[in-house]
N, C-alpha and C. Protein backbone atom coordinates (compact mmCIF):
# COMPACT_ATOMS: atom_id res chain seq x y z
N MET A 1 0.84 -1.19 0.00
CA MET A 1 0.00 0.00 0.00
C MET A 1 0.89 1.25 0.00
N HIS A 2 0.33 2.32 -0.58
CA HIS A 2 1.01 3.61 -0.59
C HIS A 2 0.14 4.64 0.12
N ILE A 3 0.77 5.74 0.53
CA ILE A 3 0.02 6.84 1.13
C ILE A 3 0.31 8.13 0.37
N LEU A 4 -0.63 9.04 0.46
CA LEU A 4 -0.54 10.32 -0.24
C LEU A 4 0.41 11.25 0.50
N LEU A 5 1.26 11.96 -0.23
CA LEU A 5 2.20 12.89 0.38
C LEU A 5 1.62 14.28 0.53
N GLU A 6 0.80 14.70 -0.42
CA GLU A 6 0.24 16.05 -0.39
C GLU A 6 -1.05 16.09 -1.19
N GLN A 7 -1.82 17.15 -0.94
CA GLN A 7 -3.10 17.31 -1.64
C GLN A 7 -2.87 17.51 -3.14
N ALA A 8 -3.80 17.00 -3.94
CA ALA A 8 -3.75 17.20 -5.39
C ALA A 8 -5.16 17.48 -5.90
N THR A 9 -5.26 18.29 -6.95
CA THR A 9 -6.56 18.68 -7.50
C THR A 9 -6.52 18.61 -9.02
N CYS A 10 -7.61 18.14 -9.61
CA CYS A 10 -7.75 18.21 -11.06
C CYS A 10 -9.22 18.41 -11.40
N GLU A 11 -9.48 18.74 -12.65
CA GLU A 11 -10.85 19.02 -13.07
C GLU A 11 -11.11 18.40 -14.44
N ILE A 12 -12.30 17.82 -14.60
CA ILE A 12 -12.74 17.37 -15.92
C ILE A 12 -14.10 18.00 -16.20
N GLU A 13 -14.45 18.05 -17.48
CA GLU A 13 -15.76 18.57 -17.86
C GLU A 13 -16.48 17.51 -18.67
N VAL A 14 -17.74 17.27 -18.33
CA VAL A 14 -18.56 16.29 -19.04
C VAL A 14 -19.90 16.95 -19.35
N LYS A 15 -20.16 17.18 -20.63
CA LYS A 15 -21.41 17.82 -21.07
C LYS A 15 -21.71 19.08 -20.25
N LYS A 16 -20.70 19.92 -20.15
CA LYS A 16 -20.78 21.22 -19.48
C LYS A 16 -20.88 21.15 -17.95
N SER A 17 -20.93 19.95 -17.39
CA SER A 17 -20.82 19.82 -15.94
C SER A 17 -19.34 19.76 -15.57
N ARG A 18 -18.96 20.52 -14.54
CA ARG A 18 -17.57 20.51 -14.07
C ARG A 18 -17.45 19.55 -12.89
N PHE A 19 -16.44 18.71 -12.94
CA PHE A 19 -16.15 17.77 -11.85
C PHE A 19 -14.73 18.08 -11.35
N ILE A 20 -14.64 18.60 -10.13
CA ILE A 20 -13.35 18.94 -9.54
C ILE A 20 -13.01 17.87 -8.50
N ALA A 21 -11.93 17.16 -8.71
CA ALA A 21 -11.52 16.10 -7.77
C ALA A 21 -10.35 16.61 -6.93
N ILE A 22 -10.51 16.46 -5.61
CA ILE A 22 -9.46 16.86 -4.67
C ILE A 22 -9.07 15.65 -3.83
N ALA A 23 -7.83 15.22 -3.96
CA ALA A 23 -7.31 14.09 -3.16
C ALA A 23 -6.52 14.65 -1.99
N SER A 24 -6.84 14.18 -0.78
CA SER A 24 -6.17 14.68 0.43
C SER A 24 -5.75 13.51 1.31
N PRO A 25 -4.63 13.67 2.03
CA PRO A 25 -4.27 12.66 3.03
C PRO A 25 -5.33 12.63 4.14
N LEU A 26 -5.57 11.45 4.69
CA LEU A 26 -6.60 11.28 5.72
C LEU A 26 -6.04 10.36 6.80
N SER A 27 -6.19 10.76 8.07
CA SER A 27 -5.69 9.90 9.15
C SER A 27 -6.81 9.25 9.95
N ASP A 28 -8.04 9.76 9.80
CA ASP A 28 -9.15 9.21 10.58
C ASP A 28 -10.47 9.49 9.86
N LEU A 29 -11.35 8.49 9.84
CA LEU A 29 -12.64 8.67 9.17
C LEU A 29 -13.45 9.80 9.80
N SER A 30 -13.22 10.10 11.07
CA SER A 30 -13.98 11.16 11.74
C SER A 30 -13.67 12.55 11.18
N GLN A 31 -12.58 12.69 10.42
CA GLN A 31 -12.22 13.98 9.82
C GLN A 31 -13.08 14.34 8.62
N ILE A 32 -13.72 13.34 8.02
CA ILE A 32 -14.38 13.54 6.73
C ILE A 32 -15.45 14.62 6.77
N LYS A 33 -16.32 14.56 7.77
CA LYS A 33 -17.43 15.51 7.85
C LYS A 33 -16.92 16.95 7.85
N GLU A 34 -15.90 17.21 8.65
CA GLU A 34 -15.35 18.57 8.73
C GLU A 34 -14.73 19.00 7.40
N ILE A 35 -14.02 18.09 6.75
CA ILE A 35 -13.38 18.41 5.46
C ILE A 35 -14.45 18.68 4.40
N VAL A 36 -15.50 17.86 4.38
CA VAL A 36 -16.60 18.07 3.42
C VAL A 36 -17.28 19.41 3.68
N ASN A 37 -17.54 19.72 4.95
CA ASN A 37 -18.17 21.00 5.29
C ASN A 37 -17.31 22.19 4.87
N GLN A 38 -16.01 22.07 5.07
CA GLN A 38 -15.09 23.12 4.65
C GLN A 38 -15.14 23.30 3.13
N CYS A 39 -15.20 22.19 2.42
CA CYS A 39 -15.27 22.23 0.96
C CYS A 39 -16.56 22.91 0.50
N ARG A 40 -17.67 22.63 1.17
CA ARG A 40 -18.95 23.28 0.82
C ARG A 40 -18.86 24.80 1.01
N MET A 41 -18.14 25.22 2.05
CA MET A 41 -17.97 26.66 2.28
C MET A 41 -17.12 27.29 1.17
N GLU A 42 -16.14 26.55 0.68
CA GLU A 42 -15.27 27.06 -0.38
C GLU A 42 -15.93 27.00 -1.75
N HIS A 43 -16.94 26.13 -1.90
CA HIS A 43 -17.66 25.98 -3.17
C HIS A 43 -19.17 26.09 -2.92
N PRO A 44 -19.64 27.27 -2.48
CA PRO A 44 -21.05 27.39 -2.09
C PRO A 44 -22.04 27.18 -3.24
N LEU A 45 -21.60 27.34 -4.48
CA LEU A 45 -22.50 27.18 -5.62
C LEU A 45 -22.46 25.78 -6.22
N ALA A 46 -21.64 24.90 -5.66
CA ALA A 46 -21.56 23.52 -6.18
C ALA A 46 -22.87 22.79 -5.91
N ASN A 47 -23.27 21.95 -6.86
CA ASN A 47 -24.50 21.17 -6.70
C ASN A 47 -24.30 19.96 -5.81
N HIS A 48 -23.12 19.35 -5.88
CA HIS A 48 -22.84 18.14 -5.10
C HIS A 48 -21.39 18.14 -4.65
N VAL A 49 -21.15 17.63 -3.43
CA VAL A 49 -19.79 17.37 -2.94
C VAL A 49 -19.78 15.90 -2.50
N VAL A 50 -19.33 15.06 -3.42
CA VAL A 50 -19.30 13.61 -3.21
C VAL A 50 -17.95 13.25 -2.60
N HIS A 51 -17.94 12.23 -1.74
CA HIS A 51 -16.64 11.80 -1.22
C HIS A 51 -16.49 10.29 -1.28
N ALA A 52 -15.22 9.87 -1.30
CA ALA A 52 -14.85 8.46 -1.16
C ALA A 52 -13.53 8.44 -0.40
N ALA A 53 -13.41 7.49 0.54
CA ALA A 53 -12.20 7.42 1.36
C ALA A 53 -11.81 5.97 1.60
N VAL A 54 -10.50 5.75 1.64
CA VAL A 54 -9.93 4.44 1.99
C VAL A 54 -8.91 4.70 3.09
N LEU A 55 -8.95 3.86 4.12
CA LEU A 55 -8.11 4.09 5.29
C LEU A 55 -7.62 2.76 5.86
N GLY A 56 -6.51 2.82 6.58
CA GLY A 56 -5.99 1.64 7.28
C GLY A 56 -4.80 1.03 6.59
N PRO A 57 -3.95 0.32 7.35
CA PRO A 57 -2.74 -0.29 6.79
C PRO A 57 -3.03 -1.24 5.63
N LYS A 58 -4.19 -1.90 5.67
CA LYS A 58 -4.56 -2.81 4.59
C LYS A 58 -5.54 -2.17 3.61
N GLY A 59 -5.90 -0.92 3.84
CA GLY A 59 -6.87 -0.24 2.97
C GLY A 59 -8.24 -0.87 3.05
N ASP A 60 -8.63 -1.31 4.26
CA ASP A 60 -9.90 -2.03 4.37
C ASP A 60 -10.98 -1.28 5.16
N LEU A 61 -10.75 0.01 5.41
CA LEU A 61 -11.78 0.87 6.00
C LEU A 61 -12.24 1.84 4.93
N TYR A 62 -13.56 1.96 4.76
CA TYR A 62 -14.10 2.75 3.66
C TYR A 62 -15.16 3.73 4.13
N SER A 63 -15.34 4.78 3.34
CA SER A 63 -16.47 5.69 3.52
C SER A 63 -16.78 6.29 2.16
N TYR A 64 -18.07 6.51 1.89
CA TYR A 64 -18.43 7.21 0.67
C TYR A 64 -19.81 7.83 0.82
N SER A 65 -20.08 8.82 -0.02
CA SER A 65 -21.39 9.48 -0.04
C SER A 65 -21.72 9.89 -1.46
N ASP A 66 -22.99 9.70 -1.84
CA ASP A 66 -23.46 10.16 -3.16
C ASP A 66 -23.91 11.62 -3.13
N ASP A 67 -24.09 12.18 -1.94
CA ASP A 67 -24.53 13.57 -1.77
C ASP A 67 -25.67 13.96 -2.71
N HIS A 68 -26.75 13.23 -2.62
CA HIS A 68 -28.00 13.52 -3.34
C HIS A 68 -27.95 13.23 -4.84
N GLU A 69 -26.86 12.67 -5.34
CA GLU A 69 -26.91 12.10 -6.69
C GLU A 69 -27.69 10.80 -6.57
N PRO A 70 -28.23 10.26 -7.69
CA PRO A 70 -28.93 8.98 -7.59
C PRO A 70 -28.05 7.92 -6.92
N LYS A 71 -28.68 7.05 -6.13
CA LYS A 71 -27.95 6.08 -5.31
C LYS A 71 -26.93 5.28 -6.13
N ASN A 72 -25.71 5.18 -5.57
CA ASN A 72 -24.60 4.40 -6.15
C ASN A 72 -24.12 4.89 -7.51
N THR A 73 -24.38 6.17 -7.84
CA THR A 73 -23.88 6.70 -9.12
C THR A 73 -22.68 7.61 -8.94
N ALA A 74 -22.31 7.90 -7.70
CA ALA A 74 -21.27 8.90 -7.47
C ALA A 74 -20.19 8.40 -6.50
N GLY A 75 -20.53 8.34 -5.21
CA GLY A 75 -19.55 7.92 -4.20
C GLY A 75 -19.07 6.50 -4.38
N ARG A 76 -20.01 5.62 -4.73
CA ARG A 76 -19.64 4.20 -4.88
C ARG A 76 -18.65 3.97 -6.02
N PRO A 77 -18.91 4.49 -7.23
CA PRO A 77 -17.91 4.31 -8.29
C PRO A 77 -16.57 4.98 -7.97
N ALA A 78 -16.64 6.13 -7.28
CA ALA A 78 -15.39 6.79 -6.86
C ALA A 78 -14.62 5.89 -5.90
N LEU A 79 -15.35 5.28 -4.96
CA LEU A 79 -14.72 4.38 -3.99
C LEU A 79 -14.10 3.16 -4.68
N GLU A 80 -14.81 2.59 -5.64
CA GLU A 80 -14.28 1.40 -6.33
C GLU A 80 -12.95 1.70 -7.02
N VAL A 81 -12.84 2.90 -7.61
CA VAL A 81 -11.57 3.29 -8.23
C VAL A 81 -10.48 3.40 -7.17
N LEU A 82 -10.82 4.04 -6.05
CA LEU A 82 -9.85 4.20 -4.95
C LEU A 82 -9.39 2.85 -4.41
N LYS A 83 -10.35 1.94 -4.21
CA LYS A 83 -10.02 0.62 -3.65
C LYS A 83 -9.03 -0.13 -4.54
N GLY A 84 -9.09 0.09 -5.82
CA GLY A 84 -8.20 -0.60 -6.75
C GLY A 84 -6.87 0.12 -6.98
N SER A 85 -6.67 1.26 -6.31
CA SER A 85 -5.50 2.09 -6.60
C SER A 85 -4.24 1.70 -5.82
N GLY A 86 -4.42 0.94 -4.72
CA GLY A 86 -3.27 0.61 -3.88
C GLY A 86 -2.84 1.76 -2.97
N VAL A 87 -3.69 2.80 -2.88
CA VAL A 87 -3.40 3.94 -2.01
C VAL A 87 -4.36 3.89 -0.83
N THR A 88 -3.84 4.13 0.37
CA THR A 88 -4.68 4.15 1.57
C THR A 88 -4.49 5.48 2.30
N ASN A 89 -5.31 5.69 3.34
CA ASN A 89 -5.30 6.94 4.10
C ASN A 89 -5.50 8.13 3.16
N ILE A 90 -6.51 8.00 2.31
CA ILE A 90 -6.79 9.01 1.29
C ILE A 90 -8.28 9.32 1.25
N LEU A 91 -8.58 10.59 1.06
CA LEU A 91 -9.95 11.07 0.86
C LEU A 91 -9.98 11.79 -0.48
N VAL A 92 -10.95 11.43 -1.32
CA VAL A 92 -11.15 12.17 -2.56
C VAL A 92 -12.54 12.79 -2.53
N LEU A 93 -12.58 14.11 -2.70
CA LEU A 93 -13.84 14.83 -2.85
C LEU A 93 -14.02 15.11 -4.33
N VAL A 94 -15.23 14.91 -4.83
CA VAL A 94 -15.53 15.31 -6.20
C VAL A 94 -16.66 16.33 -6.13
N ILE A 95 -16.34 17.54 -6.54
CA ILE A 95 -17.28 18.65 -6.50
C ILE A 95 -17.89 18.79 -7.88
N ARG A 96 -19.23 18.79 -7.94
CA ARG A 96 -19.89 18.89 -9.24
C ARG A 96 -20.64 20.21 -9.35
N TYR A 97 -20.35 20.91 -10.44
CA TYR A 97 -21.14 22.06 -10.84
C TYR A 97 -21.96 21.62 -12.05
N PHE A 98 -23.27 21.56 -11.88
CA PHE A 98 -24.17 21.06 -12.93
C PHE A 98 -24.15 22.01 -14.13
N GLY A 99 -24.01 21.41 -15.32
CA GLY A 99 -23.89 22.21 -16.53
C GLY A 99 -25.17 22.34 -17.34
N GLY A 100 -26.28 21.77 -16.84
CA GLY A 100 -27.56 21.93 -17.53
C GLY A 100 -28.00 20.71 -18.31
N THR A 101 -27.10 19.75 -18.52
CA THR A 101 -27.45 18.53 -19.26
C THR A 101 -27.41 17.34 -18.31
N LEU A 102 -28.51 16.60 -18.23
CA LEU A 102 -28.55 15.39 -17.40
C LEU A 102 -27.64 14.33 -18.01
N LEU A 103 -26.86 13.67 -17.17
CA LEU A 103 -25.89 12.68 -17.67
C LEU A 103 -26.44 11.26 -17.65
N GLY A 104 -27.53 11.03 -16.91
CA GLY A 104 -28.06 9.67 -16.79
C GLY A 104 -27.20 8.86 -15.84
N THR A 105 -27.73 7.72 -15.42
CA THR A 105 -27.04 6.89 -14.43
C THR A 105 -25.65 6.48 -14.90
N GLY A 106 -25.56 5.93 -16.10
CA GLY A 106 -24.27 5.49 -16.63
C GLY A 106 -23.29 6.63 -16.80
N GLY A 107 -23.80 7.77 -17.23
CA GLY A 107 -22.94 8.95 -17.41
C GLY A 107 -22.38 9.46 -16.10
N LEU A 108 -23.22 9.43 -15.06
CA LEU A 108 -22.76 9.87 -13.74
C LEU A 108 -21.68 8.93 -13.19
N VAL A 109 -21.94 7.63 -13.29
CA VAL A 109 -20.97 6.63 -12.81
C VAL A 109 -19.62 6.86 -13.48
N LYS A 110 -19.64 7.03 -14.80
CA LYS A 110 -18.39 7.23 -15.55
C LYS A 110 -17.72 8.54 -15.17
N ALA A 111 -18.49 9.61 -15.04
CA ALA A 111 -17.91 10.92 -14.73
C ALA A 111 -17.23 10.92 -13.36
N TYR A 112 -17.90 10.36 -12.36
CA TYR A 112 -17.30 10.34 -11.02
C TYR A 112 -16.09 9.41 -10.97
N ALA A 113 -16.18 8.25 -11.61
CA ALA A 113 -15.04 7.33 -11.64
C ALA A 113 -13.86 7.96 -12.39
N ASP A 114 -14.16 8.61 -13.52
CA ASP A 114 -13.09 9.24 -14.30
C ASP A 114 -12.42 10.38 -13.53
N SER A 115 -13.21 11.12 -12.75
CA SER A 115 -12.64 12.21 -11.94
C SER A 115 -11.59 11.67 -10.98
N VAL A 116 -11.92 10.56 -10.32
CA VAL A 116 -10.98 9.96 -9.37
C VAL A 116 -9.76 9.40 -10.12
N LYS A 117 -9.99 8.75 -11.25
CA LYS A 117 -8.86 8.22 -12.04
C LYS A 117 -7.90 9.34 -12.43
N GLU A 118 -8.45 10.49 -12.83
CA GLU A 118 -7.60 11.60 -13.26
C GLU A 118 -6.76 12.16 -12.11
N VAL A 119 -7.38 12.32 -10.93
CA VAL A 119 -6.61 12.87 -9.81
C VAL A 119 -5.56 11.86 -9.33
N LEU A 120 -5.86 10.56 -9.44
CA LEU A 120 -4.88 9.54 -9.05
C LEU A 120 -3.65 9.55 -9.96
N LYS A 121 -3.81 10.04 -11.19
CA LYS A 121 -2.68 10.10 -12.11
C LYS A 121 -1.64 11.14 -11.68
N ILE A 122 -2.08 12.15 -10.92
CA ILE A 122 -1.16 13.25 -10.60
C ILE A 122 -0.71 13.28 -9.14
N ILE A 123 -1.21 12.35 -8.32
CA ILE A 123 -0.82 12.39 -6.91
C ILE A 123 0.60 11.90 -6.70
N LYS A 124 1.21 12.37 -5.61
CA LYS A 124 2.54 11.90 -5.20
C LYS A 124 2.34 11.02 -3.98
N THR A 125 2.94 9.82 -4.02
CA THR A 125 2.77 8.87 -2.92
C THR A 125 4.12 8.33 -2.46
N GLU A 126 4.09 7.66 -1.32
CA GLU A 126 5.24 6.92 -0.84
C GLU A 126 4.73 5.62 -0.24
N PRO A 127 5.59 4.59 -0.16
CA PRO A 127 5.14 3.33 0.45
C PRO A 127 4.72 3.55 1.90
N LEU A 128 3.68 2.85 2.31
CA LEU A 128 3.23 2.89 3.70
C LEU A 128 4.16 2.00 4.51
N ILE A 129 4.88 2.59 5.44
CA ILE A 129 5.83 1.86 6.28
C ILE A 129 5.35 1.95 7.72
N ASP A 130 5.32 0.81 8.41
CA ASP A 130 4.94 0.80 9.82
C ASP A 130 6.01 1.55 10.60
N LYS A 131 5.59 2.57 11.35
CA LYS A 131 6.55 3.41 12.08
C LYS A 131 6.26 3.39 13.57
N THR A 132 7.31 3.57 14.34
CA THR A 132 7.22 3.67 15.80
C THR A 132 7.58 5.09 16.20
N SER A 133 6.73 5.71 17.03
CA SER A 133 7.04 7.03 17.57
C SER A 133 8.01 6.87 18.74
N PHE A 134 8.91 7.85 18.88
CA PHE A 134 9.91 7.73 19.95
C PHE A 134 10.22 9.10 20.56
N HIS A 135 10.82 9.06 21.74
CA HIS A 135 11.47 10.24 22.31
C HIS A 135 12.76 9.77 22.97
N ILE A 136 13.72 10.66 23.01
CA ILE A 136 15.01 10.34 23.62
C ILE A 136 15.63 11.62 24.17
N SER A 137 16.20 11.53 25.36
CA SER A 137 16.92 12.66 25.96
C SER A 137 18.39 12.28 26.08
N MET A 138 19.26 13.28 25.89
CA MET A 138 20.70 13.00 25.89
C MET A 138 21.48 14.23 26.32
N PRO A 139 22.68 14.05 26.84
CA PRO A 139 23.55 15.20 27.08
C PRO A 139 24.01 15.79 25.74
N TYR A 140 24.39 17.05 25.77
CA TYR A 140 24.75 17.75 24.54
C TYR A 140 25.85 17.05 23.74
N HIS A 141 26.85 16.47 24.43
CA HIS A 141 27.98 15.88 23.70
C HIS A 141 27.58 14.63 22.91
N LEU A 142 26.40 14.05 23.21
CA LEU A 142 25.94 12.88 22.45
C LEU A 142 24.92 13.24 21.36
N TYR A 143 24.56 14.51 21.28
CA TYR A 143 23.54 14.93 20.31
C TYR A 143 23.91 14.56 18.87
N GLU A 144 25.10 14.96 18.43
CA GLU A 144 25.50 14.70 17.04
C GLU A 144 25.59 13.20 16.73
N PRO A 145 26.30 12.39 17.54
CA PRO A 145 26.39 10.96 17.21
C PRO A 145 25.03 10.24 17.25
N ILE A 146 24.17 10.62 18.20
CA ILE A 146 22.85 9.97 18.27
C ILE A 146 21.97 10.40 17.10
N LYS A 147 22.02 11.69 16.77
CA LYS A 147 21.23 12.16 15.63
C LYS A 147 21.69 11.47 14.34
N LYS A 148 23.00 11.25 14.22
CA LYS A 148 23.55 10.54 13.05
C LYS A 148 22.98 9.12 12.97
N GLN A 149 22.93 8.43 14.12
CA GLN A 149 22.36 7.06 14.14
C GLN A 149 20.89 7.07 13.72
N LEU A 150 20.15 8.04 14.21
CA LEU A 150 18.72 8.14 13.87
C LEU A 150 18.54 8.41 12.37
N THR A 151 19.37 9.30 11.83
CA THR A 151 19.30 9.61 10.40
C THR A 151 19.61 8.38 9.55
N GLU A 152 20.63 7.63 9.95
CA GLU A 152 21.00 6.42 9.22
C GLU A 152 19.89 5.36 9.28
N ALA A 153 19.10 5.40 10.36
CA ALA A 153 17.99 4.45 10.50
C ALA A 153 16.70 4.96 9.84
N GLN A 154 16.82 6.08 9.10
CA GLN A 154 15.70 6.69 8.37
C GLN A 154 14.59 7.19 9.30
N ALA A 155 15.00 7.68 10.47
CA ALA A 155 14.04 8.27 11.39
C ALA A 155 13.68 9.68 10.93
N ASN A 156 12.45 10.09 11.20
CA ASN A 156 12.03 11.47 11.00
C ASN A 156 11.99 12.14 12.37
N ILE A 157 12.74 13.22 12.52
CA ILE A 157 12.74 13.94 13.80
C ILE A 157 11.73 15.07 13.70
N ASP A 158 10.71 15.02 14.57
CA ASP A 158 9.64 16.01 14.53
C ASP A 158 9.94 17.23 15.39
N SER A 159 10.65 17.03 16.51
CA SER A 159 10.99 18.18 17.35
C SER A 159 12.30 17.95 18.08
N GLU A 160 13.00 19.05 18.31
CA GLU A 160 14.26 19.05 19.06
C GLU A 160 14.14 20.11 20.14
N GLU A 161 14.36 19.72 21.38
CA GLU A 161 14.24 20.66 22.50
C GLU A 161 15.58 20.72 23.22
N PHE A 162 16.14 21.93 23.31
CA PHE A 162 17.44 22.11 23.93
C PHE A 162 17.25 22.81 25.28
N THR A 163 17.34 22.05 26.36
CA THR A 163 17.25 22.63 27.71
C THR A 163 18.49 22.17 28.47
N VAL A 164 18.32 21.58 29.64
CA VAL A 164 19.47 21.02 30.35
C VAL A 164 20.08 19.89 29.53
N GLU A 165 19.20 19.13 28.87
CA GLU A 165 19.61 18.09 27.93
C GLU A 165 18.96 18.38 26.59
N VAL A 166 19.26 17.55 25.61
CA VAL A 166 18.58 17.64 24.32
C VAL A 166 17.54 16.52 24.27
N THR A 167 16.32 16.88 23.91
CA THR A 167 15.25 15.88 23.78
C THR A 167 14.75 15.89 22.35
N LEU A 168 14.73 14.72 21.74
CA LEU A 168 14.24 14.56 20.37
C LEU A 168 12.98 13.70 20.39
N THR A 169 12.02 14.05 19.55
CA THR A 169 10.86 13.18 19.32
C THR A 169 10.70 13.01 17.82
N GLY A 170 10.14 11.87 17.43
CA GLY A 170 9.95 11.61 16.01
C GLY A 170 9.41 10.22 15.76
N THR A 171 9.61 9.75 14.54
CA THR A 171 9.18 8.41 14.16
C THR A 171 10.33 7.70 13.46
N ILE A 172 10.32 6.38 13.56
CA ILE A 172 11.36 5.55 12.95
C ILE A 172 10.68 4.30 12.38
N PRO A 173 11.13 3.81 11.22
CA PRO A 173 10.54 2.56 10.73
C PRO A 173 10.65 1.48 11.80
N SER A 174 9.54 0.81 12.08
CA SER A 174 9.51 -0.18 13.16
C SER A 174 10.56 -1.26 12.98
N SER A 175 10.86 -1.60 11.72
CA SER A 175 11.86 -2.65 11.46
C SER A 175 13.27 -2.20 11.88
N SER A 176 13.52 -0.88 11.89
CA SER A 176 14.84 -0.36 12.26
C SER A 176 14.96 -0.08 13.76
N TYR A 177 13.83 -0.05 14.45
CA TYR A 177 13.83 0.39 15.85
C TYR A 177 14.74 -0.43 16.76
N PRO A 178 14.63 -1.77 16.78
CA PRO A 178 15.45 -2.54 17.74
C PRO A 178 16.95 -2.33 17.56
N THR A 179 17.42 -2.35 16.32
CA THR A 179 18.85 -2.19 16.05
C THR A 179 19.32 -0.80 16.44
N CYS A 180 18.54 0.21 16.06
CA CYS A 180 18.90 1.59 16.36
C CYS A 180 18.92 1.82 17.88
N ALA A 181 17.92 1.30 18.58
CA ALA A 181 17.86 1.45 20.04
C ALA A 181 19.08 0.81 20.70
N ALA A 182 19.47 -0.37 20.22
CA ALA A 182 20.64 -1.07 20.79
C ALA A 182 21.93 -0.29 20.51
N THR A 183 22.05 0.25 19.30
CA THR A 183 23.25 1.02 18.93
C THR A 183 23.38 2.26 19.81
N ILE A 184 22.25 2.97 20.00
CA ILE A 184 22.28 4.18 20.83
C ILE A 184 22.60 3.84 22.28
N PHE A 185 22.04 2.74 22.77
CA PHE A 185 22.32 2.30 24.15
C PHE A 185 23.82 2.05 24.32
N ASP A 186 24.42 1.35 23.34
CA ASP A 186 25.87 1.06 23.40
C ASP A 186 26.69 2.34 23.27
N LEU A 187 26.30 3.19 22.32
CA LEU A 187 27.01 4.43 22.04
C LEU A 187 27.08 5.34 23.28
N SER A 188 26.00 5.30 24.07
CA SER A 188 25.91 6.18 25.25
C SER A 188 26.33 5.46 26.54
N ASN A 189 26.90 4.26 26.39
CA ASN A 189 27.27 3.44 27.56
C ASN A 189 26.08 3.23 28.50
N GLY A 190 24.92 3.06 27.90
CA GLY A 190 23.72 2.75 28.68
C GLY A 190 23.03 3.95 29.30
N SER A 191 23.50 5.17 28.98
CA SER A 191 22.90 6.35 29.62
C SER A 191 21.70 6.92 28.86
N CYS A 192 21.52 6.51 27.59
CA CYS A 192 20.42 7.03 26.78
C CYS A 192 19.60 5.87 26.21
N ALA A 193 18.29 6.05 26.23
CA ALA A 193 17.40 5.01 25.68
C ALA A 193 16.45 5.63 24.67
N LEU A 194 16.26 4.92 23.57
CA LEU A 194 15.28 5.32 22.56
C LEU A 194 13.93 4.78 23.03
N ASN A 195 13.11 5.65 23.58
CA ASN A 195 11.86 5.23 24.22
C ASN A 195 10.69 5.29 23.25
N PRO A 196 9.96 4.18 23.10
CA PRO A 196 8.78 4.21 22.23
C PRO A 196 7.66 5.01 22.88
N ILE A 197 6.87 5.67 22.05
CA ILE A 197 5.68 6.39 22.53
C ILE A 197 4.48 5.63 22.01
N ASP A 198 3.58 5.24 22.90
CA ASP A 198 2.37 4.53 22.47
C ASP A 198 1.50 5.48 21.68
N ALA A 199 1.02 4.99 20.52
CA ALA A 199 0.18 5.83 19.66
C ALA A 199 -1.16 6.08 20.33
């Protein structure tokens, strides 16, 4: 599975109806309502704001809405495209501005599916890697060697706090955690520990 790195937007036109697809990273299904409401505020004249979302390490959590389009003509086809994409933790909104011509059931299904296909062509992704959150405190003289070990283990450092000691927090690929923790323990003669943070 892959995850989205940043938001992406594209637009298609079908018989004068505009379909704007916005793909966004998503960390929790509970965020969807707020994101959809925000989108409605940004597009007050839109006729429909349809959504489809895939979430979870296996991409097996779903959400979709037809937003008053005929049942299963909008959110469902958008979701089916997403499910087949190999991307998870993603929300796609498709905003429709009606162009005056009815598309019919088949036309709607194709338009919404095509909107998602088009935005998936332009998104930037990275492989989904299981990560462990950590924090570690150290004396100043160990900051550089420990940071070097973390960098070599492909850790992402989210914050650095310099007080009496240096405290780092971040994430590290779970597969690298045991080796990196042991190396840091040895490097510091047992005075520093790479402590996991429960999610």
